[in-house]
Amino acid sequence: MDSITEGDPADEISRIEERLETLAETAERCRKIILVSKAVIAGGFALLLATMLGLFASGQTAALGSIALVLGGIVSLGSNVSTLRQTTDAISAAELLRSDLIGRIDLRVVADSPMKLM
């Protein structure tokens, strides 16, 4: 038997909820890094354009720096997009498992009876 069918479904659902919170934090962090990476790429292109137009006295250093910014931004962007996809897939799988566990819980129907008020 696997651990899901062995334990109490409520405990398993709680563990899945904790995992979902962790995954959501990871996804949010990836989204922020993706945004920063895009800004770095844009900044690198802007610096490269300014260097090519001769707006900086140290043209070669600025050009190399701008190329490094663009390449670093692209690497960071690609890595975090991949991580975000994997995290999103893990969130979907965890939500599906949680729904399945909730569906397995034997819920009792409370009979229609008048409530006693104190």
N, C-alpha and C. Protein backbone atom coordinates (compact mmCIF):
# COMPACT_ATOMS: atom_id res chain seq x y z
N MET A 1 0.83 -1.19 0.00
CA MET A 1 0.00 0.00 0.00
C MET A 1 0.88 1.25 0.00
N ASP A 2 0.39 2.28 -0.61
CA ASP A 2 1.14 3.52 -0.58
C ASP A 2 0.73 4.35 0.63
N SER A 3 1.50 5.37 0.89
CA SER A 3 1.28 6.18 2.10
C SER A 3 -0.05 6.92 2.07
N ILE A 4 -0.59 7.16 0.88
CA ILE A 4 -1.84 7.90 0.80
C ILE A 4 -3.01 7.06 1.31
N THR A 5 -3.02 5.78 0.97
CA THR A 5 -4.13 4.94 1.41
C THR A 5 -3.94 4.42 2.82
N GLU A 6 -2.72 4.47 3.34
CA GLU A 6 -2.46 3.99 4.68
C GLU A 6 -2.88 4.98 5.75
N GLY A 7 -2.62 6.26 5.53
CA GLY A 7 -2.85 7.28 6.56
C GLY A 7 -4.26 7.83 6.53
N ASP A 8 -4.50 8.68 7.48
CA ASP A 8 -5.78 9.38 7.57
C ASP A 8 -5.86 10.37 6.41
N PRO A 9 -6.95 10.35 5.64
CA PRO A 9 -7.06 11.27 4.51
C PRO A 9 -6.94 12.74 4.92
N ALA A 10 -7.44 13.09 6.09
CA ALA A 10 -7.35 14.49 6.54
C ALA A 10 -5.89 14.89 6.74
N ASP A 11 -5.08 13.96 7.28
CA ASP A 11 -3.64 14.26 7.45
C ASP A 11 -2.95 14.40 6.10
N GLU A 12 -3.31 13.52 5.18
CA GLU A 12 -2.72 13.59 3.85
C GLU A 12 -3.11 14.89 3.16
N ILE A 13 -4.36 15.28 3.30
CA ILE A 13 -4.83 16.53 2.69
C ILE A 13 -4.08 17.71 3.30
N SER A 14 -3.83 17.67 4.60
CA SER A 14 -3.06 18.75 5.25
C SER A 14 -1.64 18.81 4.70
N ARG A 15 -1.02 17.66 4.50
CA ARG A 15 0.34 17.63 3.95
C ARG A 15 0.35 18.17 2.51
N ILE A 16 -0.67 17.81 1.76
CA ILE A 16 -0.76 18.31 0.39
C ILE A 16 -0.96 19.82 0.39
N GLU A 17 -1.78 20.34 1.30
CA GLU A 17 -1.99 21.79 1.42
C GLU A 17 -0.67 22.50 1.72
N GLU A 18 0.14 21.94 2.61
CA GLU A 18 1.44 22.53 2.93
C GLU A 18 2.33 22.53 1.70
N ARG A 19 2.31 21.41 0.96
CA ARG A 19 3.11 21.30 -0.26
C ARG A 19 2.64 22.34 -1.29
N LEU A 20 1.33 22.51 -1.40
CA LEU A 20 0.80 23.50 -2.34
C LEU A 20 1.24 24.91 -1.98
N GLU A 21 1.28 25.23 -0.70
CA GLU A 21 1.75 26.55 -0.27
C GLU A 21 3.21 26.76 -0.66
N THR A 22 4.02 25.73 -0.44
CA THR A 22 5.44 25.82 -0.80
C THR A 22 5.61 25.99 -2.30
N LEU A 23 4.85 25.22 -3.06
CA LEU A 23 4.93 25.33 -4.52
C LEU A 23 4.46 26.69 -5.01
N ALA A 24 3.42 27.23 -4.38
CA ALA A 24 2.92 28.56 -4.76
C ALA A 24 3.98 29.63 -4.50
N GLU A 25 4.70 29.51 -3.38
CA GLU A 25 5.78 30.45 -3.08
C GLU A 25 6.89 30.34 -4.12
N THR A 26 7.22 29.12 -4.51
CA THR A 26 8.25 28.91 -5.53
C THR A 26 7.82 29.52 -6.86
N ALA A 27 6.57 29.30 -7.22
CA ALA A 27 6.06 29.86 -8.48
C ALA A 27 6.10 31.39 -8.47
N GLU A 28 5.72 31.98 -7.35
CA GLU A 28 5.75 33.44 -7.24
C GLU A 28 7.18 33.98 -7.34
N ARG A 29 8.11 33.29 -6.69
CA ARG A 29 9.51 33.70 -6.76
C ARG A 29 10.01 33.61 -8.21
N CYS A 30 9.63 32.56 -8.93
CA CYS A 30 10.03 32.41 -10.33
C CYS A 30 9.46 33.55 -11.17
N ARG A 31 8.21 33.89 -10.92
CA ARG A 31 7.58 34.99 -11.68
C ARG A 31 8.33 36.31 -11.47
N LYS A 32 8.74 36.56 -10.23
CA LYS A 32 9.48 37.78 -9.93
C LYS A 32 10.83 37.78 -10.64
N ILE A 33 11.53 36.64 -10.60
CA ILE A 33 12.84 36.55 -11.24
C ILE A 33 12.70 36.68 -12.75
N ILE A 34 11.64 36.12 -13.31
CA ILE A 34 11.38 36.25 -14.75
C ILE A 34 11.20 37.72 -15.12
N LEU A 35 10.46 38.45 -14.31
CA LEU A 35 10.25 39.87 -14.56
C LEU A 35 11.57 40.65 -14.50
N VAL A 36 12.38 40.35 -13.49
CA VAL A 36 13.68 41.02 -13.37
C VAL A 36 14.58 40.64 -14.55
N SER A 37 14.54 39.38 -14.95
CA SER A 37 15.36 38.93 -16.09
C SER A 37 14.99 39.69 -17.36
N LYS A 38 13.71 39.88 -17.58
CA LYS A 38 13.27 40.63 -18.75
C LYS A 38 13.75 42.08 -18.69
N ALA A 39 13.73 42.65 -17.49
CA ALA A 39 14.21 44.03 -17.32
C ALA A 39 15.71 44.11 -17.58
N VAL A 40 16.45 43.10 -17.11
CA VAL A 40 17.90 43.07 -17.33
C VAL A 40 18.21 42.94 -18.82
N ILE A 41 17.47 42.09 -19.52
CA ILE A 41 17.67 41.95 -20.97
C ILE A 41 17.40 43.28 -21.68
N ALA A 42 16.30 43.93 -21.32
CA ALA A 42 15.97 45.22 -21.94
C ALA A 42 17.05 46.26 -21.62
N GLY A 43 17.51 46.27 -20.37
CA GLY A 43 18.57 47.21 -19.99
C GLY A 43 19.86 46.94 -20.74
N GLY A 44 20.18 45.66 -20.93
CA GLY A 44 21.38 45.30 -21.68
C GLY A 44 21.29 45.75 -23.12
N PHE A 45 20.12 45.56 -23.74
CA PHE A 45 19.94 46.03 -25.11
C PHE A 45 20.03 47.55 -25.19
N ALA A 46 19.44 48.23 -24.22
CA ALA A 46 19.50 49.70 -24.22
C ALA A 46 20.94 50.18 -24.08
N LEU A 47 21.69 49.53 -23.20
CA LEU A 47 23.10 49.91 -23.02
C LEU A 47 23.91 49.61 -24.27
N LEU A 48 23.62 48.49 -24.92
CA LEU A 48 24.33 48.15 -26.16
C LEU A 48 24.02 49.17 -27.24
N LEU A 49 22.75 49.56 -27.34
CA LEU A 49 22.37 50.57 -28.33
C LEU A 49 23.05 51.90 -28.04
N ALA A 50 23.08 52.29 -26.77
CA ALA A 50 23.73 53.55 -26.40
C ALA A 50 25.22 53.50 -26.70
N THR A 51 25.82 52.35 -26.49
CA THR A 51 27.25 52.19 -26.77
C THR A 51 27.51 52.26 -28.27
N MET A 52 26.63 51.62 -29.05
CA MET A 52 26.81 51.64 -30.50
C MET A 52 26.63 53.05 -31.07
N LEU A 53 25.79 53.85 -30.41
CA LEU A 53 25.60 55.23 -30.86
C LEU A 53 26.69 56.16 -30.36
N GLY A 54 27.60 55.63 -29.56
CA GLY A 54 28.73 56.42 -29.08
C GLY A 54 28.41 57.32 -27.91
N LEU A 55 27.41 56.99 -27.12
CA LEU A 55 27.05 57.83 -25.98
C LEU A 55 27.95 57.60 -24.77
N PHE A 56 28.76 56.54 -24.80
CA PHE A 56 29.70 56.28 -23.69
C PHE A 56 31.12 56.36 -24.21
N ALA A 57 31.99 56.94 -23.39
CA ALA A 57 33.39 57.09 -23.78
C ALA A 57 34.09 55.74 -23.82
N SER A 58 33.80 54.86 -22.88
CA SER A 58 34.45 53.54 -22.85
C SER A 58 33.56 52.55 -23.60
N GLY A 59 33.58 52.61 -24.91
CA GLY A 59 32.69 51.84 -25.76
C GLY A 59 32.84 50.34 -25.63
N GLN A 60 34.08 49.84 -25.61
CA GLN A 60 34.29 48.40 -25.59
C GLN A 60 33.85 47.80 -24.26
N THR A 61 34.16 48.46 -23.17
CA THR A 61 33.78 47.95 -21.85
C THR A 61 32.27 47.95 -21.69
N ALA A 62 31.63 49.00 -22.10
CA ALA A 62 30.18 49.08 -22.01
C ALA A 62 29.51 48.06 -22.93
N ALA A 63 30.09 47.85 -24.11
CA ALA A 63 29.53 46.88 -25.04
C ALA A 63 29.62 45.47 -24.46
N LEU A 64 30.78 45.13 -23.90
CA LEU A 64 30.93 43.81 -23.28
C LEU A 64 30.00 43.65 -22.08
N GLY A 65 29.87 44.71 -21.30
CA GLY A 65 28.97 44.66 -20.15
C GLY A 65 27.53 44.47 -20.57
N SER A 66 27.13 45.16 -21.63
CA SER A 66 25.75 45.03 -22.11
C SER A 66 25.49 43.64 -22.67
N ILE A 67 26.46 43.08 -23.36
CA ILE A 67 26.31 41.71 -23.88
C ILE A 67 26.22 40.72 -22.72
N ALA A 68 27.02 40.94 -21.69
CA ALA A 68 26.94 40.07 -20.51
C ALA A 68 25.58 40.18 -19.83
N LEU A 69 25.04 41.39 -19.75
CA LEU A 69 23.70 41.57 -19.17
C LEU A 69 22.63 40.82 -19.97
N VAL A 70 22.70 40.96 -21.28
CA VAL A 70 21.71 40.30 -22.13
C VAL A 70 21.81 38.79 -21.99
N LEU A 71 23.02 38.25 -22.07
CA LEU A 71 23.19 36.80 -21.96
C LEU A 71 22.80 36.28 -20.58
N GLY A 72 23.19 36.99 -19.54
CA GLY A 72 22.81 36.58 -18.18
C GLY A 72 21.31 36.62 -17.99
N GLY A 73 20.67 37.64 -18.53
CA GLY A 73 19.22 37.74 -18.45
C GLY A 73 18.52 36.61 -19.18
N ILE A 74 19.04 36.25 -20.34
CA ILE A 74 18.46 35.16 -21.12
C ILE A 74 18.59 33.83 -20.38
N VAL A 75 19.76 33.58 -19.80
CA VAL A 75 19.96 32.34 -19.05
C VAL A 75 19.03 32.29 -17.85
N SER A 76 18.95 33.37 -17.11
CA SER A 76 18.07 33.44 -15.94
C SER A 76 16.61 33.27 -16.34
N LEU A 77 16.22 33.92 -17.41
CA LEU A 77 14.85 33.82 -17.90
C LEU A 77 14.50 32.37 -18.27
N GLY A 78 15.36 31.74 -19.04
CA GLY A 78 15.11 30.37 -19.47
C GLY A 78 15.04 29.40 -18.31
N SER A 79 15.94 29.55 -17.37
CA SER A 79 15.97 28.67 -16.21
C SER A 79 14.70 28.81 -15.38
N ASN A 80 14.28 30.03 -15.15
CA ASN A 80 13.11 30.26 -14.30
C ASN A 80 11.80 29.95 -15.02
N VAL A 81 11.74 30.10 -16.32
CA VAL A 81 10.55 29.69 -17.06
C VAL A 81 10.40 28.18 -16.96
N SER A 82 11.50 27.46 -17.09
CA SER A 82 11.48 26.00 -16.96
C SER A 82 11.05 25.58 -15.56
N THR A 83 11.61 26.22 -14.55
CA THR A 83 11.24 25.90 -13.16
C THR A 83 9.78 26.23 -12.91
N LEU A 84 9.30 27.34 -13.45
CA LEU A 84 7.89 27.71 -13.28
C LEU A 84 6.97 26.68 -13.92
N ARG A 85 7.33 26.19 -15.09
CA ARG A 85 6.52 25.15 -15.74
C ARG A 85 6.47 23.89 -14.88
N GLN A 86 7.62 23.47 -14.38
CA GLN A 86 7.67 22.27 -13.54
C GLN A 86 6.86 22.47 -12.26
N THR A 87 6.96 23.64 -11.68
CA THR A 87 6.22 23.95 -10.45
C THR A 87 4.73 23.97 -10.72
N THR A 88 4.33 24.55 -11.84
CA THR A 88 2.91 24.58 -12.20
C THR A 88 2.37 23.17 -12.42
N ASP A 89 3.17 22.31 -13.05
CA ASP A 89 2.77 20.92 -13.23
C ASP A 89 2.62 20.21 -11.89
N ALA A 90 3.56 20.48 -10.97
CA ALA A 90 3.49 19.87 -9.64
C ALA A 90 2.27 20.36 -8.86
N ILE A 91 1.93 21.64 -9.02
CA ILE A 91 0.74 22.18 -8.37
C ILE A 91 -0.51 21.49 -8.90
N SER A 92 -0.58 21.31 -10.21
CA SER A 92 -1.74 20.64 -10.81
C SER A 92 -1.87 19.21 -10.31
N ALA A 93 -0.75 18.50 -10.23
CA ALA A 93 -0.77 17.12 -9.75
C ALA A 93 -1.19 17.05 -8.28
N ALA A 94 -0.69 17.97 -7.47
CA ALA A 94 -1.05 17.99 -6.05
C ALA A 94 -2.53 18.33 -5.86
N GLU A 95 -3.04 19.25 -6.65
CA GLU A 95 -4.46 19.61 -6.56
C GLU A 95 -5.34 18.44 -6.98
N LEU A 96 -4.91 17.70 -8.00
CA LEU A 96 -5.65 16.53 -8.43
C LEU A 96 -5.67 15.46 -7.34
N LEU A 97 -4.52 15.23 -6.72
CA LEU A 97 -4.42 14.27 -5.62
C LEU A 97 -5.29 14.70 -4.44
N ARG A 98 -5.26 15.98 -4.13
CA ARG A 98 -6.08 16.50 -3.03
C ARG A 98 -7.57 16.29 -3.33
N SER A 99 -7.98 16.57 -4.55
CA SER A 99 -9.37 16.37 -4.94
C SER A 99 -9.76 14.90 -4.84
N ASP A 100 -8.85 14.02 -5.25
CA ASP A 100 -9.12 12.59 -5.16
C ASP A 100 -9.28 12.16 -3.70
N LEU A 101 -8.41 12.66 -2.84
CA LEU A 101 -8.51 12.32 -1.40
C LEU A 101 -9.79 12.85 -0.79
N ILE A 102 -10.17 14.05 -1.16
CA ILE A 102 -11.41 14.62 -0.64
C ILE A 102 -12.60 13.78 -1.11
N GLY A 103 -12.53 13.30 -2.35
CA GLY A 103 -13.60 12.47 -2.88
C GLY A 103 -13.71 11.12 -2.18
N ARG A 104 -12.60 10.64 -1.62
CA ARG A 104 -12.60 9.35 -0.92
C ARG A 104 -13.14 9.43 0.50
N ILE A 105 -13.21 10.62 1.04
CA ILE A 105 -13.67 10.75 2.42
C ILE A 105 -15.14 10.37 2.49
N ASP A 106 -15.46 9.51 3.44
CA ASP A 106 -16.84 9.06 3.62
C ASP A 106 -17.58 10.10 4.46
N LEU A 107 -18.27 10.98 3.76
CA LEU A 107 -19.00 12.04 4.45
C LEU A 107 -20.36 11.52 4.89
N ARG A 108 -20.76 11.91 6.07
CA ARG A 108 -22.07 11.52 6.58
C ARG A 108 -23.05 12.66 6.37
N VAL A 109 -24.23 12.29 5.99
CA VAL A 109 -25.28 13.28 5.78
C VAL A 109 -26.00 13.47 7.10
N VAL A 110 -26.13 14.69 7.51
CA VAL A 110 -26.84 15.00 8.75
C VAL A 110 -28.32 15.02 8.43
N ALA A 111 -29.08 14.27 9.20
CA ALA A 111 -30.53 14.18 8.96
C ALA A 111 -31.18 15.54 9.18
N ASP A 112 -32.24 15.75 8.46
CA ASP A 112 -32.99 17.00 8.63
C ASP A 112 -33.73 16.95 9.97
N SER A 113 -33.26 17.70 10.88
CA SER A 113 -33.93 17.78 12.18
C SER A 113 -33.84 19.20 12.68
N PRO A 114 -34.81 19.62 13.42
CA PRO A 114 -34.75 21.00 13.91
C PRO A 114 -33.57 21.18 14.85
N MET A 115 -32.95 22.32 14.74
CA MET A 115 -31.81 22.61 15.61
C MET A 115 -32.33 23.12 16.95
N LYS A 116 -31.65 22.69 17.98
CA LYS A 116 -32.03 23.15 19.31
C LYS A 116 -31.27 24.45 19.60
N LEU A 117 -31.98 25.44 19.97
CA LEU A 117 -31.37 26.71 20.32
C LEU A 117 -31.31 26.82 21.84
N MET A 118 -30.26 27.30 22.33
CA MET A 118 -30.10 27.43 23.78
C MET A 118 -30.60 28.73 24.27
